[in-house]
Amino acid sequence: MRKGPTWFEFILWQELRRKQFGVRFRRQEPIGPYIADFVCLSKMLIIELDGESHDDPIYDAMRDAWFHDHGFFVLRIDNDHIRDDLEGALNLIKQALEDPQSIRDPQNLERL
């Protein structure tokens, strides 16, 4: 995946690498035993795009728990959200960078 991103990863990476959020993101970054789709180390934010390769909710929950135990906040965004509402997905990322706790609100989770 590091050399061949999915279309959704490519589209999001083009937005994240422009530094429109004022922070640096890395793509396909090894963190412990896992590889995060995108990470902003200064904000301890991991963005995971969920598509066909994320069809095992138990594995995803285990990864998320490991990241959380190591101080990261994980924002999961469905590929469909990137396709259907890229601007909305970017707004969620901005919100997570500013106040990750607000993303945990059930009303915000419905938008993911």
Protein backbone atom coordinates (compact mmCIF):
# COMPACT_ATOMS: atom_id res chain seq x y z
CA MET A 1 0.00 0.00 0.00
CA ARG A 2 2.92 2.40 0.53
CA LYS A 3 3.74 2.52 -3.18
CA GLY A 4 0.24 2.00 -4.55
CA PRO A 5 -2.39 4.00 -2.66
CA THR A 6 -6.06 3.48 -3.31
CA TRP A 7 -7.88 6.18 -5.23
CA PHE A 8 -9.42 7.42 -1.97
CA GLU A 9 -6.02 7.59 -0.26
CA PHE A 10 -4.58 9.44 -3.24
CA ILE A 11 -7.36 12.03 -3.21
CA LEU A 12 -7.11 12.62 0.55
CA TRP A 13 -3.29 12.72 0.43
CA GLN A 14 -3.42 15.47 -2.19
CA GLU A 15 -5.45 17.55 0.28
CA LEU A 16 -3.41 16.71 3.39
CA ARG A 17 -0.02 17.34 1.82
CA ARG A 18 -0.99 20.88 0.85
CA LYS A 19 -0.63 21.72 4.54
CA GLN A 20 -3.95 23.53 4.56
CA PHE A 21 -4.36 22.49 8.18
CA GLY A 22 -1.06 24.02 9.30
CA VAL A 23 0.36 20.65 10.38
CA ARG A 24 2.37 17.92 8.69
CA PHE A 25 0.83 14.57 7.81
CA ARG A 26 2.65 11.39 6.88
CA ARG A 27 1.18 8.66 4.69
CA GLN A 28 1.47 4.92 5.35
CA GLU A 29 3.48 5.53 8.51
CA PRO A 30 4.67 2.56 10.60
CA ILE A 31 3.60 3.02 14.22
CA GLY A 32 4.43 0.13 16.50
CA PRO A 33 3.22 -3.11 14.92
CA TYR A 34 0.82 -1.28 12.56
CA ILE A 35 0.86 1.05 9.57
CA ALA A 36 -1.40 4.09 9.80
CA ASP A 37 -2.98 5.37 6.58
CA PHE A 38 -2.21 8.96 7.62
CA VAL A 39 -0.79 10.42 10.81
CA CYS A 40 -0.14 13.86 12.20
CA LEU A 41 2.45 13.20 14.90
CA SER A 42 2.31 16.70 16.37
CA LYS A 43 -1.41 16.28 17.10
CA MET A 44 -1.28 12.51 17.72
CA LEU A 45 -4.04 12.07 15.13
CA ILE A 46 -4.34 9.00 12.93
CA ILE A 47 -6.71 8.98 9.98
CA GLU A 48 -7.81 5.60 8.73
CA LEU A 49 -9.77 5.28 5.50
CA ASP A 50 -12.18 2.40 5.66
CA GLY A 51 -12.84 0.47 2.49
CA GLU A 52 -12.47 -3.08 1.29
CA SER A 53 -9.28 -3.72 3.28
CA HIS A 54 -11.06 -2.81 6.54
CA ASP A 55 -13.61 -5.61 6.58
CA ASP A 56 -12.55 -7.05 9.93
CA PRO A 57 -14.05 -4.94 12.73
CA ILE A 58 -12.32 -6.98 15.45
CA TYR A 59 -8.88 -6.32 13.92
CA ASP A 60 -9.72 -2.63 13.44
CA ALA A 61 -10.86 -2.37 17.07
CA MET A 62 -7.64 -4.04 18.24
CA ARG A 63 -5.55 -1.59 16.16
CA ASP A 64 -7.56 1.38 17.42
CA ALA A 65 -7.13 0.24 21.02
CA TRP A 66 -3.36 -0.10 20.55
CA PHE A 67 -3.14 3.38 19.01
CA HIS A 68 -5.31 4.82 21.79
CA ASP A 69 -3.18 3.15 24.47
CA HIS A 70 -0.17 4.89 22.92
CA GLY A 71 -1.77 8.34 22.99
CA PHE A 72 -3.25 8.58 19.50
CA PHE A 73 -6.74 9.60 18.47
CA VAL A 74 -8.04 7.58 15.52
CA LEU A 75 -10.44 9.15 13.07
CA ARG A 76 -12.02 6.59 10.77
CA ILE A 77 -13.52 7.89 7.55
CA ASP A 78 -15.37 5.68 5.11
CA ASN A 79 -14.20 5.76 1.50
CA ASP A 80 -17.73 6.69 0.46
CA HIS A 81 -17.43 9.88 2.51
CA ILE A 82 -14.29 10.84 0.56
CA ARG A 83 -16.07 10.13 -2.72
CA ASP A 84 -19.40 11.75 -1.87
CA ASP A 85 -18.40 14.64 0.40
CA LEU A 86 -14.67 15.38 0.37
CA GLU A 87 -15.22 18.85 1.83
CA GLY A 88 -17.20 17.34 4.72
CA ALA A 89 -14.44 14.80 5.36
CA LEU A 90 -11.86 17.60 5.39
CA ASN A 91 -14.01 19.51 7.87
CA LEU A 92 -14.07 16.44 10.15
CA ILE A 93 -10.28 16.27 9.98
CA LYS A 94 -10.03 19.95 10.84
CA GLN A 95 -12.42 19.41 13.76
CA ALA A 96 -10.37 16.41 14.97
CA LEU A 97 -7.19 18.49 14.85
CA GLU A 98 -8.81 21.27 16.89
CA ASP A 99 -10.86 19.19 19.34
CA PRO A 100 -10.73 15.38 19.00
CA GLN A 101 -13.20 14.90 21.84
CA SER A 102 -15.93 16.57 19.77
CA ILE A 103 -15.68 13.77 17.21
CA ARG A 104 -16.70 11.24 19.84
CA ASP A 105 -20.09 12.94 20.15
CA PRO A 106 -22.75 10.55 18.70
CA GLN A 107 -24.09 13.26 16.40
CA ASN A 108 -20.67 13.66 14.79
CA LEU A 109 -20.13 9.92 14.45
CA GLU A 110 -23.27 9.67 12.31
CA ARG A 111 -21.52 11.85 9.71
CA LEU A 112 -18.64 9.40 9.36
